[in-house]
């Protein structure tokens, strides 16, 4: 008997791509499917302060989202932004053409050199060939000045993510047999997007329509750092086409149909998603992750992804991946060009 699958359409920078999806309900992931990697050796004794940074930022996001709509619309993205910064209201996007509109609200701000924690500078000091790719816009802070310390706390979290990402990209370089500093000059003024998502509990109508919080997609850049609260809702599509739940509320678990072990949220961890850009640069040695979000709980949910990538075009020669025979077979093209 042939197993029926459905085709999931994904929007990417290179056009639509399709993935097969098995006809099963999402199941809980196993520890082997979502490995935990200890990043603490890359840092000193900063962990307690980083936890406070996350808590303050989450508190600010909740304050922003619970304002009257007219106050949130002071930074409305479609009205004020050229680059998708600012506020997007509930059911205003549809990330996946195969699924429903997105039941979430979001606030986004992008890299601006004056906010850079490692080498802050005025945008006028940035080289011309880089400056045209800078996507930060001041209206997001001007329209939120009435919220005490909003900018301070959001930027503090974003800065911590940026510092972590710059350390992690060096680990990726080493894993690809490149020099540790291979990406350093390419992420001096990076693509670094802070996106704060608010997922209210779904209405009964939205539950019956199987509405998603954020539709199926892959991330565009090198990789994404995702902090999410304990409510859960993130789902990942395996290579076999099975949706798995990365985390969910500890009060709801039905494993009667599966042998998998429940993987609840782990305090002090951040989910790392590989992006399309990284996959393209290394010719699929790392592969981008198809994922979506659905808040199946009766609680509100907050997630704070940080998208990290390169601002400037560059070339990567095949010879830089020729250190191991397996990588030679996986990277056959002569030159890979990042766009």
Protein backbone atom coordinates (compact mmCIF):
# COMPACT_ATOMS: atom_id res chain seq x y z
CA UNK A 1 0.00 0.00 0.00
CA UNK A 2 1.43 3.35 -1.03
CA UNK A 3 1.68 5.96 1.72
CA UNK A 4 0.02 9.25 0.81
CA UNK A 5 2.04 12.43 1.25
CA UNK A 6 1.19 16.08 0.74
CA UNK A 7 3.39 18.66 -0.94
CA UNK A 8 4.45 21.61 1.21
CA UNK A 9 5.34 24.74 -0.77
CA UNK A 10 8.08 26.93 0.71
CA UNK A 11 9.12 30.42 -0.34
CA UNK A 12 12.89 30.88 -0.64
CA UNK A 13 15.28 33.46 -2.08
CA UNK A 14 15.78 31.18 -5.09
CA UNK A 15 12.06 30.66 -5.71
CA UNK A 16 9.54 28.08 -4.47
CA UNK A 17 10.70 24.66 -3.28
CA UNK A 18 8.59 21.70 -2.20
CA UNK A 19 8.87 19.13 0.59
CA UNK A 20 6.92 15.91 1.13
CA UNK A 21 4.95 15.73 4.39
CA UNK A 22 3.78 12.44 5.90
CA UNK A 23 0.08 12.13 6.87
CA UNK A 24 0.77 11.92 10.63
CA UNK A 25 0.16 14.35 13.45
CA UNK A 26 3.28 16.07 14.84
CA UNK A 27 5.03 13.93 17.44
CA UNK A 28 7.44 14.82 20.22
CA UNK A 29 11.09 14.84 19.24
CA UNK A 30 13.71 12.53 20.72
CA UNK A 31 16.94 13.74 22.36
CA UNK A 32 18.86 12.38 19.36
CA UNK A 33 16.83 14.47 16.90
CA UNK A 34 17.49 17.78 18.68
CA UNK A 35 20.99 17.52 20.18
CA UNK A 36 22.13 19.82 22.98
CA UNK A 37 25.56 21.45 22.55
CA UNK A 38 27.29 23.13 25.50
CA UNK A 39 28.43 26.64 24.50
CA UNK A 40 29.52 27.69 27.99
CA UNK A 41 33.25 27.18 27.27
CA UNK A 42 33.04 30.11 24.83
CA UNK A 43 32.17 32.48 27.69
CA UNK A 44 33.32 33.49 31.13
CA UNK A 45 31.02 34.12 34.10
CA UNK A 46 28.37 36.06 32.18
CA UNK A 47 25.55 33.48 32.32
CA UNK A 48 23.55 35.03 35.18
CA UNK A 49 23.56 38.44 33.54
CA UNK A 50 22.48 36.96 30.19
CA UNK A 51 19.47 35.36 31.90
CA UNK A 52 18.46 38.76 33.27
CA UNK A 53 18.89 40.26 29.80
CA UNK A 54 16.46 37.73 28.33
CA UNK A 55 13.90 38.29 31.10
CA UNK A 56 13.98 42.09 30.69
CA UNK A 57 13.57 41.85 26.95
CA UNK A 58 10.63 39.46 27.21
CA UNK A 59 8.96 41.79 29.70
CA UNK A 60 9.33 44.70 27.29
CA UNK A 61 7.86 42.70 24.41
CA UNK A 62 4.81 41.82 26.47
CA UNK A 63 4.37 45.48 27.45
CA UNK A 64 4.57 46.50 23.80
CA UNK A 65 2.16 43.82 22.56
CA UNK A 66 -0.45 44.55 25.24
CA UNK A 67 -0.73 48.21 24.28
CA UNK A 68 -3.83 49.47 22.47
CA UNK A 69 -3.58 48.85 18.74
CA UNK A 70 -3.23 52.55 17.93
CA UNK A 71 -0.06 52.72 20.03
CA UNK A 72 1.49 49.68 18.33
CA UNK A 73 0.64 51.20 14.97
CA UNK A 74 2.96 54.12 15.70
CA UNK A 75 5.64 51.77 14.35
CA UNK A 76 3.48 49.90 11.82
CA UNK A 77 5.76 48.17 9.34
CA UNK A 78 3.71 48.50 6.16
CA UNK A 79 3.24 52.22 6.76
CA UNK A 80 6.69 53.36 7.90
CA UNK A 81 9.32 50.80 6.86
CA UNK A 82 11.21 50.10 3.64
CA UNK A 83 12.79 46.96 5.08
CA UNK A 84 10.09 45.17 7.12
CA UNK A 85 11.08 46.78 10.43
CA UNK A 86 8.47 47.65 13.02
CA UNK A 87 5.13 46.14 14.03
CA UNK A 88 3.10 43.57 12.10
CA UNK A 89 -0.37 42.82 13.38
CA UNK A 90 -2.19 39.55 13.89
CA UNK A 91 -3.11 37.70 10.67
CA UNK A 92 -1.22 40.25 8.53
CA UNK A 93 1.24 37.75 7.02
CA UNK A 94 1.10 34.34 5.37
CA UNK A 95 4.61 32.91 5.34
CA UNK A 96 3.59 29.59 3.79
CA UNK A 97 1.31 29.54 0.72
CA UNK A 98 0.33 25.97 1.69
CA UNK A 99 -1.03 26.96 5.08
CA UNK A 100 -3.22 29.56 6.78
CA UNK A 101 -2.42 33.17 7.58
CA UNK A 102 -0.10 33.58 10.56
CA UNK A 103 -1.76 33.99 13.96
CA UNK A 104 0.93 36.13 15.57
CA UNK A 105 2.05 39.69 16.13
CA UNK A 106 5.63 40.75 15.58
CA UNK A 107 8.13 43.54 16.18
CA UNK A 108 11.36 43.65 14.16
CA UNK A 109 14.49 45.79 14.06
CA UNK A 110 17.62 45.26 11.99
CA UNK A 111 21.32 45.95 12.24
CA UNK A 112 22.46 49.53 12.62
CA UNK A 113 26.18 50.25 13.16
CA UNK A 114 25.56 52.68 16.02
CA UNK A 115 24.06 49.78 18.03
CA UNK A 116 26.95 47.37 17.40
CA UNK A 117 28.31 46.21 20.79
CA UNK A 118 31.79 45.39 19.43
CA UNK A 119 32.59 48.41 17.25
CA UNK A 120 29.84 51.06 17.31
CA UNK A 121 30.06 53.82 14.72
CA UNK A 122 27.89 56.27 12.84
CA UNK A 123 26.52 54.95 9.58
CA UNK A 124 28.42 57.70 7.73
CA UNK A 125 31.65 55.90 8.72
CA UNK A 126 30.57 52.65 7.06
CA UNK A 127 32.05 52.00 3.57
CA UNK A 128 29.69 52.84 0.70
CA UNK A 129 29.55 49.27 -0.60
CA UNK A 130 28.29 48.13 2.83
CA UNK A 131 26.14 51.12 3.74
CA UNK A 132 23.55 50.43 1.04
CA UNK A 133 22.82 47.07 2.67
CA UNK A 134 22.24 48.49 6.17
CA UNK A 135 18.56 47.96 7.05
CA UNK A 136 18.17 49.61 10.46
CA UNK A 137 15.50 52.33 10.75
CA UNK A 138 15.12 54.80 13.63
CA UNK A 139 11.32 55.02 13.55
CA UNK A 140 11.08 51.79 15.59
CA UNK A 141 12.68 53.59 18.56
CA UNK A 142 11.04 56.97 17.98
CA UNK A 143 7.59 55.35 18.08
CA UNK A 144 8.31 53.43 21.28
CA UNK A 145 9.85 56.22 23.37
CA UNK A 146 6.80 56.20 25.65
CA UNK A 147 7.79 52.72 26.89
CA UNK A 148 10.46 53.18 29.60
CA UNK A 149 13.77 51.42 28.78
CA UNK A 150 12.22 49.64 25.80
CA UNK A 151 15.10 50.35 23.45
CA UNK A 152 17.72 49.70 26.13
CA UNK A 153 16.37 46.25 27.02
CA UNK A 154 15.65 45.13 23.45
CA UNK A 155 19.07 46.22 22.21
CA UNK A 156 20.79 44.57 25.20
CA UNK A 157 19.29 41.20 24.23
CA UNK A 158 20.08 41.77 20.54
CA UNK A 159 23.67 42.73 21.40
CA UNK A 160 24.15 39.55 23.45
CA UNK A 161 22.88 37.50 20.50
CA UNK A 162 25.21 39.33 18.11
CA UNK A 163 28.24 38.63 20.29
CA UNK A 164 27.25 34.96 20.59
CA UNK A 165 26.68 34.68 16.83
CA UNK A 166 30.12 36.13 16.05
CA UNK A 167 31.66 33.48 18.29
CA UNK A 168 29.56 30.69 16.82
CA UNK A 169 30.33 31.58 13.20
CA UNK A 170 33.98 30.91 14.03
CA UNK A 171 33.00 27.43 15.22
CA UNK A 172 31.17 26.86 11.95
CA UNK A 173 34.28 27.93 10.02
CA UNK A 174 36.44 25.43 11.90
CA UNK A 175 33.90 22.67 11.33
CA UNK A 176 34.18 23.32 7.56
CA UNK A 177 38.00 23.15 7.62
CA UNK A 178 38.28 26.91 7.09
CA UNK A 179 40.42 29.34 9.03
CA UNK A 180 38.75 30.32 12.29
CA UNK A 181 38.54 33.98 11.24
CA UNK A 182 37.21 33.20 7.75
CA UNK A 183 33.91 35.02 8.32
CA UNK A 184 35.18 37.80 10.58
CA UNK A 185 35.45 40.57 7.98
CA UNK A 186 32.20 39.43 6.38
CA UNK A 187 30.23 39.92 9.60
CA UNK A 188 31.79 43.23 10.67
CA UNK A 189 28.49 44.84 9.63
CA UNK A 190 26.28 41.74 9.45
CA UNK A 191 22.73 40.96 8.70
CA UNK A 192 21.52 40.86 12.31
CA UNK A 193 17.76 40.96 12.74
CA UNK A 194 15.98 41.02 16.07
CA UNK A 195 12.45 39.63 15.66
CA UNK A 196 10.08 39.42 18.60
CA UNK A 197 6.98 37.27 18.07
CA UNK A 198 3.86 37.19 20.22
CA UNK A 199 1.52 34.22 19.82
CA UNK A 200 -1.77 34.59 21.69
CA UNK A 201 -3.78 31.51 22.52
CA UNK A 202 -5.79 30.53 19.45
CA UNK A 203 -9.53 31.11 19.31
CA UNK A 204 -11.86 28.13 18.90
CA UNK A 205 -12.40 29.11 15.28
CA UNK A 206 -8.63 29.23 14.67
CA UNK A 207 -8.24 25.80 16.27
CA UNK A 208 -10.94 24.31 14.03
CA UNK A 209 -9.29 25.86 10.98
CA UNK A 210 -5.90 24.48 12.11
CA UNK A 211 -4.39 27.96 11.92
CA UNK A 212 -0.62 28.19 12.29
CA UNK A 213 1.14 30.78 14.41
CA UNK A 214 3.86 31.11 11.77
CA UNK A 215 3.75 29.06 8.59
CA UNK A 216 6.32 26.58 7.30
CA UNK A 217 9.57 28.11 6.09
CA UNK A 218 13.34 27.96 6.14
CA UNK A 219 15.44 30.85 7.44
CA UNK A 220 17.37 32.85 4.88
CA UNK A 221 20.66 33.74 6.53
CA UNK A 222 23.63 31.81 7.97
CA UNK A 223 21.86 30.67 11.12
CA UNK A 224 19.22 31.71 13.63
CA UNK A 225 19.48 31.84 17.42
CA UNK A 226 16.07 31.23 18.95
CA UNK A 227 15.09 31.86 22.53
CA UNK A 228 11.56 30.66 23.26
CA UNK A 229 9.59 30.51 26.47
CA UNK A 230 8.43 27.31 28.16
CA UNK A 231 5.04 27.30 26.43
CA UNK A 232 6.49 25.73 23.28
CA UNK A 233 5.06 25.53 19.78
CA UNK A 234 8.09 25.15 17.49
CA UNK A 235 7.84 22.21 15.06
CA UNK A 236 10.54 20.88 12.69
CA UNK A 237 10.06 18.81 9.54
CA UNK A 238 12.41 15.82 9.43
CA UNK A 239 14.06 14.59 6.24
CA UNK A 240 11.48 11.82 6.18
CA UNK A 241 8.64 14.36 6.15
CA UNK A 242 7.49 13.95 9.76
CA UNK A 243 6.68 17.03 11.84
CA UNK A 244 8.25 16.86 15.31
CA UNK A 245 7.62 19.12 18.28
CA UNK A 246 10.74 20.72 19.70
CA UNK A 247 8.97 21.62 22.93
CA UNK A 248 5.54 21.88 24.42
CA UNK A 249 3.83 22.46 27.72
CA UNK A 250 4.83 19.82 30.26
CA UNK A 251 1.15 19.23 31.02
CA UNK A 252 0.28 17.89 27.57
CA UNK A 253 1.85 14.75 26.15
CA UNK A 254 0.38 11.86 24.16
CA UNK A 255 3.01 9.35 23.08
CA UNK A 256 0.70 6.36 22.62
CA UNK A 257 1.38 6.22 18.86
CA UNK A 258 5.13 6.88 19.04
CA UNK A 259 8.21 5.44 20.70
CA UNK A 260 9.89 8.84 20.98
CA UNK A 261 10.93 10.43 24.25
CA UNK A 262 9.36 13.74 25.14
CA UNK A 263 11.83 16.65 24.90
CA UNK A 264 10.55 19.52 27.06
CA UNK A 265 12.18 22.97 27.00
CA UNK A 266 15.60 22.98 28.66
CA UNK A 267 16.36 26.04 30.76
CA UNK A 268 19.36 28.03 29.60
CA UNK A 269 19.29 26.72 26.01
CA UNK A 270 18.86 28.40 22.64
CA UNK A 271 17.67 26.62 19.49
CA UNK A 272 20.01 27.05 16.49
CA UNK A 273 18.50 26.79 13.00
CA UNK A 274 20.72 26.51 9.92
CA UNK A 275 19.76 29.01 7.21
CA UNK A 276 19.58 28.77 3.40
CA UNK A 277 22.62 31.04 3.06
CA UNK A 278 24.83 28.69 5.08
CA UNK A 279 23.52 25.69 3.17
CA UNK A 280 24.29 27.35 -0.17
CA UNK A 281 27.78 28.46 0.84
CA UNK A 282 28.87 25.00 1.98
CA UNK A 283 27.02 23.04 -0.72
CA UNK A 284 24.61 21.29 1.67
CA UNK A 285 27.17 20.11 4.25
CA UNK A 286 24.84 21.92 6.65
CA UNK A 287 21.17 21.96 5.63
CA UNK A 288 18.54 24.55 6.43
CA UNK A 289 15.69 23.43 8.64
CA UNK A 290 12.02 23.55 7.60
CA UNK A 291 10.03 24.67 10.62
CA UNK A 292 6.80 26.32 11.72
CA UNK A 293 5.09 27.48 14.91
CA UNK A 294 1.69 26.62 16.33
CA UNK A 295 0.67 27.67 19.83
CA UNK A 296 -1.42 24.67 20.88
CA UNK A 297 -1.62 25.77 24.51
CA UNK A 298 -4.15 28.02 26.22
CA UNK A 299 -1.35 30.46 27.20
CA UNK A 300 0.28 33.34 25.38
CA UNK A 301 3.70 32.60 23.92
CA UNK A 302 6.76 34.78 23.20
CA UNK A 303 9.74 33.90 21.02
CA UNK A 304 12.77 36.08 20.25
CA UNK A 305 14.69 34.80 17.20
CA UNK A 306 17.89 36.49 16.09
CA UNK A 307 18.81 36.07 12.41
CA UNK A 308 22.51 36.25 11.59
CA UNK A 309 24.16 36.49 8.18
CA UNK A 310 26.56 38.33 5.90
CA UNK A 311 25.82 41.82 4.69
CA UNK A 312 28.23 41.79 1.74
CA UNK A 313 28.58 39.57 -1.33
CA UNK A 314 31.65 37.37 -1.40
CA UNK A 315 33.04 34.26 -3.08
CA UNK A 316 33.99 30.96 -1.53
CA UNK A 317 36.31 28.73 -3.55
CA UNK A 318 35.79 24.98 -3.77
CA UNK A 319 39.39 24.35 -2.72
CA UNK A 320 38.60 25.66 0.75
CA UNK A 321 36.39 22.60 1.26
CA UNK A 322 38.84 20.11 -0.23
CA UNK A 323 40.37 19.07 3.08
CA UNK A 324 38.39 15.86 3.34
CA UNK A 325 37.33 13.42 0.65
CA UNK A 326 33.71 13.38 1.81
CA UNK A 327 33.51 17.15 1.47
CA UNK A 328 35.03 17.00 -2.00
CA UNK A 329 32.20 14.75 -3.10
CA UNK A 330 29.57 16.99 -1.50
CA UNK A 331 30.93 20.26 -2.92
CA UNK A 332 31.51 19.64 -6.65
CA UNK A 333 30.99 23.15 -8.01
CA UNK A 334 33.96 25.37 -8.81
CA UNK A 335 32.79 28.56 -7.15
CA UNK A 336 29.96 29.31 -4.76
CA UNK A 337 28.78 32.93 -4.80
CA UNK A 338 26.83 34.37 -1.91
CA UNK A 339 24.08 36.77 -2.96
